[in-house]
Amino acid sequence: MLDAVGIAGPAARIYAELVEADQLSAAQVAERCGITARQASAELQGLASLGLSLRVTGRPVRYRAVAPDVAISALIAQREQDLQDVRATMHRLTEVFQETARGRHPDAHVEVVHGTPNIARLAVRVHEQTQRQLRGFDRPPYSHEPGTSYPLESSRLAVGVVYRVIYDAAALAIPGRMDDDILPSSAAGEQARTRPELPIKLLISDDQLALIPAAVTSRSIDTTFVIHRSPILDALIALFETEWARATPIPVSAGSLDEETATLLAMLAAGMTDASMARSLAWSMRTTQRRVRQLMTDLGVTTRFQAGVAAREKGWL
């Protein structure tokens, strides 16, 4: 309970006993906690040195607890100060590291990670360590099942991390991907856009590092490059921002825009064929074509390009 402020084991239990009692001697503490009198005496002196207990005059020597809101608050404040000192040291070391990195051989800016399981664990760690913004190009193949990172992304969104993701049409075409992953992520706060085709898979954490595949089979990623602060990383960031400006927002169902309509608009914007939309949505070809025609009728247009323009005018994209 008090481990976070450095009070653990017998000390924490003894303090709890002191809080419940008016005052206790070492012998009484030993009896209550099942330890020796010598150990109880040492622990009581330790609590006193931390400001958690006071020695009461008289014989035998007794100790009284200091009020928790006073004693523990002081320990919390000290721990927070220690963490601030560690952060300051981290920032100083980071500055030295980055200054030194400017003179490194280019190979030092790139790490190579082999093996699909290692790459999947690396991707999770990148999500967890991102503090401000995560940007990505999402396209097959994957090092893990698409959608399995949704709980992790939701938790990071909840603490203020910004997610900006561009989905390739092939990512939208995966059956269930829109309903089970992309639209829920968008509803949770992800800024999602789509492009008919993306040049690479990409994950950028803050402005500190990026992941790009180095060796890709038809079904998995065998090797990934980890790109650290360097001109290469700057180029990847610029590539993402260029594609982001060209990409079409994936709408989230709201107001008059229902979820199926939002899904169809996103897929049309990505340039997906009726056949690929039907596979993704688990609809028949006839149902898909009927829904597309109905959407275009509702928008008052005759071509898919016009549908995109009309959707933007309505504020759906």
C-alpha atoms as a PDB file:
ATOM      1  CA  MET A   1       0.000   0.000   0.000  1.00  0.00           C
ATOM      2  CA  LEU A   2       2.835   2.392   0.903  1.00  0.00           C
ATOM      3  CA  ASP A   3       5.475   0.815  -1.350  1.00  0.00           C
ATOM      4  CA  ALA A   4       5.355   3.788  -3.736  1.00  0.00           C
ATOM      5  CA  VAL A   5       6.751   6.077  -1.038  1.00  0.00           C
ATOM      6  CA  GLY A   6       9.358   3.614   0.185  1.00  0.00           C
ATOM      7  CA  ILE A   7       7.441   2.015   3.093  1.00  0.00           C
ATOM      8  CA  ALA A   8       7.155  -1.724   2.588  1.00  0.00           C
ATOM      9  CA  GLY A   9       7.086  -5.032   4.429  1.00  0.00           C
ATOM     10  CA  PRO A  10       7.028  -4.936   8.256  1.00  0.00           C
ATOM     11  CA  ALA A  11       7.409  -1.138   8.331  1.00  0.00           C
ATOM     12  CA  ALA A  12       4.102  -0.611   6.537  1.00  0.00           C
ATOM     13  CA  ARG A  13       2.295  -3.036   8.836  1.00  0.00           C
ATOM     14  CA  ILE A  14       3.820  -1.493  11.960  1.00  0.00           C
ATOM     15  CA  TYR A  15       2.765   1.996  10.877  1.00  0.00           C
ATOM     16  CA  ALA A  16      -0.774   0.706  10.345  1.00  0.00           C
ATOM     17  CA  GLU A  17      -0.730  -0.734  13.866  1.00  0.00           C
ATOM     18  CA  LEU A  18       0.476   2.595  15.298  1.00  0.00           C
ATOM     19  CA  VAL A  19      -2.319   4.424  13.485  1.00  0.00           C
ATOM     20  CA  GLU A  20      -4.909   2.141  15.077  1.00  0.00           C
ATOM     21  CA  ALA A  21      -3.363   2.309  18.584  1.00  0.00           C
ATOM     22  CA  ASP A  22      -2.650   5.341  20.733  1.00  0.00           C
ATOM     23  CA  GLN A  23       0.943   4.291  21.333  1.00  0.00           C
ATOM     24  CA  LEU A  24       2.902   1.037  21.319  1.00  0.00           C
ATOM     25  CA  SER A  25       6.172  -0.294  22.715  1.00  0.00           C
ATOM     26  CA  ALA A  26       8.598  -2.463  20.748  1.00  0.00           C
ATOM     27  CA  ALA A  27       7.396  -5.516  22.669  1.00  0.00           C
ATOM     28  CA  GLN A  28       3.763  -4.804  21.819  1.00  0.00           C
ATOM     29  CA  VAL A  29       4.624  -4.242  18.160  1.00  0.00           C
ATOM     30  CA  ALA A  30       6.581  -7.501  18.099  1.00  0.00           C
ATOM     31  CA  GLU A  31       3.603  -9.386  19.506  1.00  0.00           C
ATOM     32  CA  ARG A  32       1.093  -7.820  17.101  1.00  0.00           C
ATOM     33  CA  CYS A  33       3.248  -8.277  14.003  1.00  0.00           C
ATOM     34  CA  GLY A  34       4.846 -11.624  14.772  1.00  0.00           C
ATOM     35  CA  ILE A  35       8.448 -10.367  14.700  1.00  0.00           C
ATOM     36  CA  THR A  36      11.255 -10.182  17.258  1.00  0.00           C
ATOM     37  CA  ALA A  37      11.495  -7.293  19.714  1.00  0.00           C
ATOM     38  CA  ARG A  38      14.869  -6.301  18.234  1.00  0.00           C
ATOM     39  CA  GLN A  39      13.398  -6.143  14.721  1.00  0.00           C
ATOM     40  CA  ALA A  40      10.391  -4.198  16.019  1.00  0.00           C
ATOM     41  CA  SER A  41      12.682  -1.686  17.737  1.00  0.00           C
ATOM     42  CA  ALA A  42      14.741  -1.202  14.561  1.00  0.00           C
ATOM     43  CA  GLU A  43      11.613  -0.738  12.413  1.00  0.00           C
ATOM     44  CA  LEU A  44      10.135   1.775  14.873  1.00  0.00           C
ATOM     45  CA  GLN A  45      13.343   3.814  14.833  1.00  0.00           C
ATOM     46  CA  GLY A  46      13.255   3.721  11.025  1.00  0.00           C
ATOM     47  CA  LEU A  47       9.678   5.007  10.978  1.00  0.00           C
ATOM     48  CA  ALA A  48      10.685   7.803  13.333  1.00  0.00           C
ATOM     49  CA  SER A  49      13.570   8.807  11.050  1.00  0.00           C
ATOM     50  CA  LEU A  50      11.111   9.042   8.127  1.00  0.00           C
ATOM     51  CA  GLY A  51       8.764  11.247  10.146  1.00  0.00           C
ATOM     52  CA  LEU A  52       6.043   8.607  10.387  1.00  0.00           C
ATOM     53  CA  SER A  53       6.229   8.127  14.161  1.00  0.00           C
ATOM     54  CA  LEU A  54       7.222  10.002  17.311  1.00  0.00           C
ATOM     55  CA  ARG A  55       9.027   8.608  20.363  1.00  0.00           C
ATOM     56  CA  VAL A  56       7.048   9.115  23.560  1.00  0.00           C
ATOM     57  CA  THR A  57       8.995   9.850  26.761  1.00  0.00           C
ATOM     58  CA  GLY A  58       8.835   7.356  29.600  1.00  0.00           C
ATOM     59  CA  ARG A  59       9.544   3.692  30.227  1.00  0.00           C
ATOM     60  CA  PRO A  60       9.222   1.447  28.368  1.00  0.00           C
ATOM     61  CA  VAL A  61       9.953   3.426  25.221  1.00  0.00           C
ATOM     62  CA  ARG A  62       6.779   3.870  23.193  1.00  0.00           C
ATOM     63  CA  TYR A  63       5.991   5.270  19.758  1.00  0.00           C
ATOM     64  CA  ARG A  64       2.979   7.137  18.433  1.00  0.00           C
ATOM     65  CA  ALA A  65       1.988   7.510  14.758  1.00  0.00           C
ATOM     66  CA  VAL A  66       2.238  10.899  13.074  1.00  0.00           C
ATOM     67  CA  ALA A  67      -1.029  11.790  11.310  1.00  0.00           C
ATOM     68  CA  PRO A  68      -1.074  10.066   7.868  1.00  0.00           C
ATOM     69  CA  ASP A  69      -2.164  13.198   5.994  1.00  0.00           C
ATOM     70  CA  VAL A  70       0.920  14.970   7.325  1.00  0.00           C
ATOM     71  CA  ALA A  71       3.498  12.186   7.286  1.00  0.00           C
ATOM     72  CA  ILE A  72       2.586  10.498   4.012  1.00  0.00           C
ATOM     73  CA  SER A  73       2.044  13.801   2.192  1.00  0.00           C
ATOM     74  CA  ALA A  74       5.612  14.740   3.079  1.00  0.00           C
ATOM     75  CA  LEU A  75       6.896  11.452   1.664  1.00  0.00           C
ATOM     76  CA  ILE A  76       4.858  11.924  -1.517  1.00  0.00           C
ATOM     77  CA  ALA A  77       6.260  15.438  -1.954  1.00  0.00           C
ATOM     78  CA  GLN A  78       9.795  14.092  -1.536  1.00  0.00           C
ATOM     79  CA  ARG A  79       9.187  11.326  -4.057  1.00  0.00           C
ATOM     80  CA  GLU A  80       7.769  13.835  -6.552  1.00  0.00           C
ATOM     81  CA  GLN A  81      10.849  16.017  -6.095  1.00  0.00           C
ATOM     82  CA  ASP A  82      13.065  12.973  -6.679  1.00  0.00           C
ATOM     83  CA  LEU A  83      11.185  12.204  -9.903  1.00  0.00           C
ATOM     84  CA  GLN A  84      11.571  15.809 -11.064  1.00  0.00           C
ATOM     85  CA  ASP A  85      15.298  15.549 -10.437  1.00  0.00           C
ATOM     86  CA  VAL A  86      15.423  12.319 -12.453  1.00  0.00           C
ATOM     87  CA  ARG A  87      13.504  13.971 -15.316  1.00  0.00           C
ATOM     88  CA  ALA A  88      15.910  16.916 -15.302  1.00  0.00           C
ATOM     89  CA  THR A  89      18.847  14.508 -15.440  1.00  0.00           C
ATOM     90  CA  MET A  90      17.163  12.590 -18.274  1.00  0.00           C
ATOM     91  CA  HIS A  91      16.718  15.792 -20.301  1.00  0.00           C
ATOM     92  CA  ARG A  92      20.352  16.770 -19.765  1.00  0.00           C
ATOM     93  CA  LEU A  93      21.548  13.330 -20.838  1.00  0.00           C
ATOM     94  CA  THR A  94      19.225  13.426 -23.863  1.00  0.00           C
ATOM     95  CA  GLU A  95      20.725  16.733 -24.970  1.00  0.00           C
ATOM     96  CA  VAL A  96      24.220  15.285 -24.662  1.00  0.00           C
ATOM     97  CA  PHE A  97      23.119  12.134 -26.507  1.00  0.00           C
ATOM     98  CA  GLN A  98      21.588  14.112 -29.385  1.00  0.00           C
ATOM     99  CA  GLU A  99      24.642  16.372 -29.618  1.00  0.00           C
ATOM    100  CA  THR A 100      26.883  13.341 -29.786  1.00  0.00           C
ATOM    101  CA  ALA A 101      24.566  11.704 -32.334  1.00  0.00           C
ATOM    102  CA  ARG A 102      25.224  14.474 -34.839  1.00  0.00           C
ATOM    103  CA  GLY A 103      28.738  13.200 -35.281  1.00  0.00           C
ATOM    104  CA  ARG A 104      27.894   9.517 -35.492  1.00  0.00           C
ATOM    105  CA  HIS A 105      28.246   7.316 -38.519  1.00  0.00           C
ATOM    106  CA  PRO A 106      24.898   7.031 -40.363  1.00  0.00           C
ATOM    107  CA  ASP A 107      24.633   3.355 -39.376  1.00  0.00           C
ATOM    108  CA  ALA A 108      24.188   4.457 -35.751  1.00  0.00           C
ATOM    109  CA  HIS A 109      20.871   6.099 -36.624  1.00  0.00           C
ATOM    110  CA  VAL A 110      19.320   2.816 -37.761  1.00  0.00           C
ATOM    111  CA  GLU A 111      18.657  -0.362 -35.790  1.00  0.00           C
ATOM    112  CA  VAL A 112      17.519  -3.634 -37.330  1.00  0.00           C
ATOM    113  CA  VAL A 113      14.965  -5.864 -35.597  1.00  0.00           C
ATOM    114  CA  HIS A 114      14.405  -9.397 -36.901  1.00  0.00           C
ATOM    115  CA  GLY A 115      11.496 -11.764 -36.357  1.00  0.00           C
ATOM    116  CA  THR A 116       7.746 -11.146 -36.414  1.00  0.00           C
ATOM    117  CA  PRO A 117       7.244 -11.669 -32.619  1.00  0.00           C
ATOM    118  CA  ASN A 118      10.058  -9.207 -31.814  1.00  0.00           C
ATOM    119  CA  ILE A 119       8.600  -6.663 -34.223  1.00  0.00           C
ATOM    120  CA  ALA A 120       5.134  -7.016 -32.660  1.00  0.00           C
ATOM    121  CA  ARG A 121       6.562  -6.435 -29.169  1.00  0.00           C
ATOM    122  CA  LEU A 122       8.530  -3.444 -30.452  1.00  0.00           C
ATOM    123  CA  ALA A 123       5.374  -1.881 -31.921  1.00  0.00           C
ATOM    124  CA  VAL A 124       3.574  -2.250 -28.577  1.00  0.00           C
ATOM    125  CA  ARG A 125       6.508  -0.609 -26.771  1.00  0.00           C
ATOM    126  CA  VAL A 126       6.462   2.297 -29.228  1.00  0.00           C
ATOM    127  CA  HIS A 127       2.750   2.873 -28.508  1.00  0.00           C
ATOM    128  CA  GLU A 128       3.384   2.768 -24.756  1.00  0.00           C
ATOM    129  CA  GLN A 129       6.367   5.141 -24.872  1.00  0.00           C
ATOM    130  CA  THR A 130       4.808   7.771 -27.140  1.00  0.00           C
ATOM    131  CA  GLN A 131       4.069  10.896 -25.095  1.00  0.00           C
ATOM    132  CA  ARG A 132       2.570  13.393 -27.565  1.00  0.00           C
ATOM    133  CA  GLN A 133       1.750  12.071 -31.017  1.00  0.00           C
ATOM    134  CA  LEU A 134       1.812   8.820 -32.957  1.00  0.00           C
ATOM    135  CA  ARG A 135       1.556   8.943 -36.746  1.00  0.00           C
ATOM    136  CA  GLY A 136       1.218   5.966 -39.057  1.00  0.00           C
ATOM    137  CA  PHE A 137       0.663   4.532 -42.505  1.00  0.00           C
ATOM    138  CA  ASP A 138      -1.515   1.430 -42.110  1.00  0.00           C
ATOM    139  CA  ARG A 139      -1.329  -1.192 -44.827  1.00  0.00           C
ATOM    140  CA  PRO A 140      -0.872  -4.985 -44.985  1.00  0.00           C
ATOM    141  CA  PRO A 141       0.919  -7.174 -44.122  1.00  0.00           C
ATOM    142  CA  TYR A 142       0.877  -7.015 -40.310  1.00  0.00           C
ATOM    143  CA  SER A 143       3.126  -8.304 -37.545  1.00  0.00           C
ATOM    144  CA  HIS A 144      -0.017  -8.937 -35.451  1.00  0.00           C
ATOM    145  CA  GLU A 145      -3.728  -9.369 -36.110  1.00  0.00           C
ATOM    146  CA  PRO A 146      -5.264  -6.032 -37.197  1.00  0.00           C
ATOM    147  CA  GLY A 147      -7.419  -4.552 -34.449  1.00  0.00           C
ATOM    148  CA  THR A 148      -5.637  -6.223 -31.530  1.00  0.00           C
ATOM    149  CA  SER A 149      -3.938  -2.929 -30.633  1.00  0.00           C
ATOM    150  CA  TYR A 150      -7.282  -1.120 -30.195  1.00  0.00           C
ATOM    151  CA  PRO A 151      -7.351  -1.441 -26.357  1.00  0.00           C
ATOM    152  CA  LEU A 152      -3.787  -0.115 -26.137  1.00  0.00           C
ATOM    153  CA  GLU A 153      -4.560   2.789 -28.470  1.00  0.00           C
ATOM    154  CA  SER A 154      -7.709   3.631 -26.491  1.00  0.00           C
ATOM    155  CA  SER A 155      -5.703   3.812 -23.264  1.00  0.00           C
ATOM    156  CA  ARG A 156      -3.102   6.095 -24.860  1.00  0.00           C
ATOM    157  CA  LEU A 157      -5.804   8.325 -26.374  1.00  0.00           C
ATOM    158  CA  ALA A 158      -7.346   8.597 -22.910  1.00  0.00           C
ATOM    159  CA  VAL A 159      -4.151  10.150 -21.512  1.00  0.00           C
ATOM    160  CA  GLY A 160      -3.885  12.711 -24.319  1.00  0.00           C
ATOM    161  CA  VAL A 161      -1.689  11.051 -26.943  1.00  0.00           C
ATOM    162  CA  VAL A 162      -2.735  12.204 -30.434  1.00  0.00           C
ATOM    163  CA  TYR A 163      -3.132   9.470 -33.063  1.00  0.00           C
ATOM    164  CA  ARG A 164      -3.074  10.346 -36.761  1.00  0.00           C
ATOM    165  CA  VAL A 165      -3.382   7.337 -39.048  1.00  0.00           C
ATOM    166  CA  ILE A 166      -3.717   7.023 -42.813  1.00  0.00           C
ATOM    167  CA  TYR A 167      -5.249   3.756 -44.010  1.00  0.00           C
ATOM    168  CA  ASP A 168      -4.437   2.183 -47.358  1.00  0.00           C
ATOM    169  CA  ALA A 169      -7.435   0.843 -49.312  1.00  0.00           C
ATOM    170  CA  ALA A 170      -6.087  -2.673 -48.704  1.00  0.00           C
ATOM    171  CA  ALA A 171      -6.398  -2.082 -44.938  1.00  0.00           C
ATOM    172  CA  LEU A 172     -10.048  -1.038 -45.297  1.00  0.00           C
ATOM    173  CA  ALA A 173     -10.732  -4.127 -47.429  1.00  0.00           C
ATOM    174  CA  ILE A 174      -9.950  -6.564 -44.593  1.00  0.00           C
ATOM    175  CA  PRO A 175     -13.303  -8.096 -43.526  1.00  0.00           C
ATOM    176  CA  GLY A 176     -14.575  -6.466 -40.333  1.00  0.00           C
ATOM    177  CA  ARG A 177     -11.688  -4.008 -40.093  1.00  0.00           C
ATOM    178  CA  MET A 178     -13.844  -0.897 -40.434  1.00  0.00           C
ATOM    179  CA  ASP A 179     -16.564  -1.896 -37.943  1.00  0.00           C
ATOM    180  CA  ASP A 180     -14.347  -3.647 -35.391  1.00  0.00           C
ATOM    181  CA  ASP A 181     -11.295  -1.387 -35.365  1.00  0.00           C
ATOM    182  CA  ILE A 182     -11.130   1.744 -37.502  1.00  0.00           C
ATOM    183  CA  LEU A 183     -14.519   3.289 -36.717  1.00  0.00           C
ATOM    184  CA  PRO A 184     -14.306   2.514 -32.958  1.00  0.00           C
ATOM    185  CA  SER A 185     -10.796   4.006 -32.914  1.00  0.00           C
ATOM    186  CA  SER A 186     -12.085   7.117 -34.674  1.00  0.00           C
ATOM    187  CA  ALA A 187     -14.936   7.402 -32.183  1.00  0.00           C
ATOM    188  CA  ALA A 188     -12.374   7.170 -29.359  1.00  0.00           C
ATOM    189  CA  GLY A 189     -10.422  10.105 -30.796  1.00  0.00           C
ATOM    190  CA  GLU A 190      -8.140   8.775 -33.512  1.00  0.00           C
ATOM    191  CA  GLN A 191      -7.797  11.111 -36.490  1.00  0.00           C
ATOM    192  CA  ALA A 192      -8.208   8.681 -39.404  1.00  0.00           C
ATOM    193  CA  ARG A 193      -7.790   9.335 -43.108  1.00  0.00           C
ATOM    194  CA  THR A 194      -7.497   7.149 -46.175  1.00  0.00           C
ATOM    195  CA  ARG A 195      -5.531   6.983 -49.420  1.00  0.00           C
ATOM    196  CA  PRO A 196      -6.026   4.541 -52.306  1.00  0.00           C
ATOM    197  CA  GLU A 197      -2.388   3.462 -51.922  1.00  0.00           C
ATOM    198  CA  LEU A 198       0.407   4.234 -49.484  1.00  0.00           C
ATOM    199  CA  PRO A 199       4.112   3.898 -50.381  1.00  0.00           C
ATOM    200  CA  ILE A 200       5.209   2.033 -47.221  1.00  0.00           C
ATOM    201  CA  LYS A 201       4.130   0.914 -43.770  1.00  0.00           C
ATOM    202  CA  LEU A 202       5.227   3.495 -41.232  1.00  0.00           C
ATOM    203  CA  LEU A 203       4.977   4.287 -37.534  1.00  0.00           C
ATOM    204  CA  ILE A 204       6.377   7.557 -36.113  1.00  0.00           C
ATOM    205  CA  SER A 205       6.589   8.126 -32.363  1.00  0.00           C
ATOM    206  CA  ASP A 206       6.649  11.823 -31.455  1.00  0.00           C
ATOM    207  CA  ASP A 207       9.589  13.198 -33.473  1.00  0.00           C
ATOM    208  CA  GLN A 208      11.992  10.695 -31.926  1.00  0.00           C
ATOM    209  CA  LEU A 209      11.884   7.484 -33.942  1.00  0.00           C
ATOM    210  CA  ALA A 210      10.127   5.657 -36.752  1.00  0.00           C
ATOM    211  CA  LEU A 211       9.533   2.034 -37.707  1.00  0.00           C
ATOM    212  CA  ILE A 212       9.530   0.932 -41.351  1.00  0.00           C
ATOM    213  CA  PRO A 213       9.619  -2.632 -42.692  1.00  0.00           C
ATOM    214  CA  ALA A 214      12.862  -3.797 -44.282  1.00  0.00           C
ATOM    215  CA  ALA A 215      11.831  -7.286 -45.369  1.00  0.00           C
ATOM    216  CA  VAL A 216       8.222  -8.123 -46.137  1.00  0.00           C
ATOM    217  CA  THR A 217       6.657 -11.366 -47.298  1.00  0.00           C
ATOM    218  CA  SER A 218       3.122 -11.630 -48.627  1.00  0.00           C
ATOM    219  CA  ARG A 219       1.802 -12.374 -45.134  1.00  0.00           C
ATOM    220  CA  SER A 220       4.205 -10.978 -42.543  1.00  0.00           C
ATOM    221  CA  ILE A 221       7.032  -8.578 -41.747  1.00  0.00           C
ATOM    222  CA  ASP A 222      10.318 -10.352 -41.080  1.00  0.00           C
ATOM    223  CA  THR A 223      12.628  -7.403 -40.519  1.00  0.00           C
ATOM    224  CA  THR A 224      12.036  -3.807 -39.442  1.00  0.00           C
ATOM    225  CA  PHE A 225      14.253  -0.730 -39.362  1.00  0.00           C
ATOM    226  CA  VAL A 226      14.153   1.513 -36.280  1.00  0.00           C
ATOM    227  CA  ILE A 227      15.051   5.027 -37.427  1.00  0.00           C
ATOM    228  CA  HIS A 228      16.338   7.411 -34.731  1.00  0.00           C
ATOM    229  CA  ARG A 229      16.756  11.207 -34.899  1.00  0.00           C
ATOM    230  CA  SER A 230      18.429  11.861 -38.255  1.00  0.00           C
ATOM    231  CA  PRO A 231      17.769  13.342 -41.699  1.00  0.00           C
ATOM    232  CA  ILE A 232      16.128  10.010 -42.577  1.00  0.00           C
ATOM    233  CA  LEU A 233      13.575  10.501 -39.793  1.00  0.00           C
ATOM    234  CA  ASP A 234      12.987  14.101 -40.927  1.00  0.00           C
ATOM    235  CA  ALA A 235      12.267  12.809 -44.448  1.00  0.00           C
ATOM    236  CA  LEU A 236       9.794  10.219 -43.143  1.00  0.00           C
ATOM    237  CA  ILE A 237       7.979  12.879 -41.113  1.00  0.00           C
ATOM    238  CA  ALA A 238       7.768  15.088 -44.217  1.00  0.00           C
ATOM    239  CA  LEU A 239       6.441  12.132 -46.234  1.00  0.00           C
ATOM    240  CA  PHE A 240       3.715  11.505 -43.673  1.00  0.00           C
ATOM    241  CA  GLU A 241       2.619  15.153 -43.590  1.00  0.00           C
ATOM    242  CA  THR A 242       2.486  15.287 -47.403  1.00  0.00           C
ATOM    243  CA  GLU A 243       0.310  12.177 -47.581  1.00  0.00           C
ATOM    244  CA  TRP A 244      -1.836  13.460 -44.701  1.00  0.00           C
ATOM    245  CA  ALA A 245      -2.617  16.638 -46.611  1.00  0.00           C
ATOM    246  CA  ARG A 246      -3.704  14.575 -49.636  1.00  0.00           C
ATOM    247  CA  ALA A 247      -5.690  11.966 -47.692  1.00  0.00           C
ATOM    248  CA  THR A 248      -9.468  11.920 -47.236  1.00  0.00           C
ATOM    249  CA  PRO A 249     -10.844  11.957 -43.662  1.00  0.00           C
ATOM    250  CA  ILE A 250     -12.705   8.836 -42.599  1.00  0.00           C
ATOM    251  CA  PRO A 251     -16.057  10.075 -41.263  1.00  0.00           C
ATOM    252  CA  VAL A 252     -17.424   8.962 -37.913  1.00  0.00           C
ATOM    253  CA  SER A 253     -21.138   8.270 -37.671  1.00  0.00           C
ATOM    254  CA  ALA A 254     -22.821  11.291 -36.106  1.00  0.00           C
ATOM    255  CA  GLY A 255     -26.168  12.989 -36.416  1.00  0.00           C
ATOM    256  CA  SER A 256     -27.712  12.143 -39.775  1.00  0.00           C
ATOM    257  CA  LEU A 257     -24.644  10.133 -40.833  1.00  0.00           C
ATOM    258  CA  ASP A 258     -25.117   6.503 -39.766  1.00  0.00           C
ATOM    259  CA  GLU A 259     -22.282   4.025 -39.369  1.00  0.00           C
ATOM    260  CA  GLU A 260     -22.908   2.154 -42.630  1.00  0.00           C
ATOM    261  CA  THR A 261     -22.945   5.399 -44.596  1.00  0.00           C
ATOM    262  CA  ALA A 262     -19.706   6.493 -42.924  1.00  0.00           C
ATOM    263  CA  THR A 263     -18.143   3.163 -43.849  1.00  0.00           C
ATOM    264  CA  LEU A 264     -19.255   3.394 -47.486  1.00  0.00           C
ATOM    265  CA  LEU A 265     -17.976   6.956 -47.822  1.00  0.00           C
ATOM    266  CA  ALA A 266     -14.580   5.961 -46.471  1.00  0.00           C
ATOM    267  CA  MET A 267     -14.336   3.028 -48.832  1.00  0.00           C
ATOM    268  CA  LEU A 268     -15.423   5.093 -51.823  1.00  0.00           C
ATOM    269  CA  ALA A 269     -12.837   7.733 -50.898  1.00  0.00           C
ATOM    270  CA  ALA A 270     -10.170   5.019 -50.812  1.00  0.00           C
ATOM    271  CA  GLY A 271     -11.083   3.978 -54.349  1.00  0.00           C
ATOM    272  CA  MET A 272     -12.273   0.505 -53.398  1.00  0.00           C
ATOM    273  CA  THR A 273     -14.192  -1.550 -55.923  1.00  0.00           C
ATOM    274  CA  ASP A 274     -17.673  -2.905 -55.268  1.00  0.00           C
ATOM    275  CA  ALA A 275     -16.175  -6.392 -54.973  1.00  0.00           C
ATOM    276  CA  SER A 276     -13.618  -5.386 -52.327  1.00  0.00           C
ATOM    277  CA  MET A 277     -16.264  -3.450 -50.383  1.00  0.00           C
ATOM    278  CA  ALA A 278     -18.564  -6.468 -50.454  1.00  0.00           C
ATOM    279  CA  ARG A 279     -15.800  -8.717 -49.052  1.00  0.00           C
ATOM    280  CA  SER A 280     -14.895  -6.230 -46.347  1.00  0.00           C
ATOM    281  CA  LEU A 281     -18.486  -5.679 -45.209  1.00  0.00           C
ATOM    282  CA  ALA A 282     -19.580  -9.312 -45.679  1.00  0.00           C
ATOM    283  CA  TRP A 283     -22.338  -8.088 -47.978  1.00  0.00           C
ATOM    284  CA  SER A 284     -23.514  -9.630 -51.229  1.00  0.00           C
ATOM    285  CA  MET A 285     -22.470  -7.863 -54.410  1.00  0.00           C
ATOM    286  CA  ARG A 286     -26.109  -6.947 -55.055  1.00  0.00           C
ATOM    287  CA  THR A 287     -26.497  -5.387 -51.575  1.00  0.00           C
ATOM    288  CA  THR A 288     -23.259  -3.451 -51.947  1.00  0.00           C
ATOM    289  CA  GLN A 289     -24.184  -2.044 -55.337  1.00  0.00           C
ATOM    290  CA  ARG A 290     -27.669  -1.160 -54.099  1.00  0.00           C
ATOM    291  CA  ARG A 291     -26.265   0.696 -51.063  1.00  0.00           C
ATOM    292  CA  VAL A 292     -23.740   2.580 -53.210  1.00  0.00           C
ATOM    293  CA  ARG A 293     -26.464   3.612 -55.655  1.00  0.00           C
ATOM    294  CA  GLN A 294     -28.692   4.727 -52.781  1.00  0.00           C
ATOM    295  CA  LEU A 295     -25.869   6.777 -51.261  1.00  0.00           C
ATOM    296  CA  MET A 296     -25.188   8.481 -54.582  1.00  0.00           C
ATOM    297  CA  THR A 297     -28.904   9.174 -55.007  1.00  0.00           C
ATOM    298  CA  ASP A 298     -29.087  10.675 -51.517  1.00  0.00           C
ATOM    299  CA  LEU A 299     -26.148  12.898 -52.409  1.00  0.00           C
ATOM    300  CA  GLY A 300     -27.687  13.823 -55.765  1.00  0.00           C
ATOM    301  CA  VAL A 301     -24.673  12.706 -57.810  1.00  0.00           C
ATOM    302  CA  THR A 302     -23.932  10.237 -60.598  1.00  0.00           C
ATOM    303  CA  THR A 303     -20.232   9.457 -60.134  1.00  0.00           C
ATOM    304  CA  ARG A 304     -18.088   8.386 -57.216  1.00  0.00           C
ATOM    305  CA  PHE A 305     -15.910  11.462 -57.592  1.00  0.00           C
ATOM    306  CA  GLN A 306     -18.995  13.660 -57.325  1.00  0.00           C
ATOM    307  CA  ALA A 307     -20.017  11.671 -54.238  1.00  0.00           C
ATOM    308  CA  GLY A 308     -16.753  12.656 -52.542  1.00  0.00           C
ATOM    309  CA  VAL A 309     -17.243  16.324 -53.427  1.00  0.00           C
ATOM    310  CA  ALA A 310     -20.844  16.305 -52.209  1.00  0.00           C
ATOM    311  CA  ALA A 311     -19.903  14.557 -48.967  1.00  0.00           C
ATOM    312  CA  ARG A 312     -17.290  17.237 -48.285  1.00  0.00           C
ATOM    313  CA  GLU A 313     -19.834  19.965 -48.943  1.00  0.00           C
ATOM    314  CA  LYS A 314     -22.128  18.351 -46.371  1.00  0.00           C
ATOM    315  CA  GLY A 315     -19.266  18.189 -43.885  1.00  0.00           C
ATOM    316  CA  TRP A 316     -19.205  14.378 -43.879  1.00  0.00           C
ATOM    317  CA  LEU A 317     -15.563  14.156 -44.997  1.00  0.00           C
END
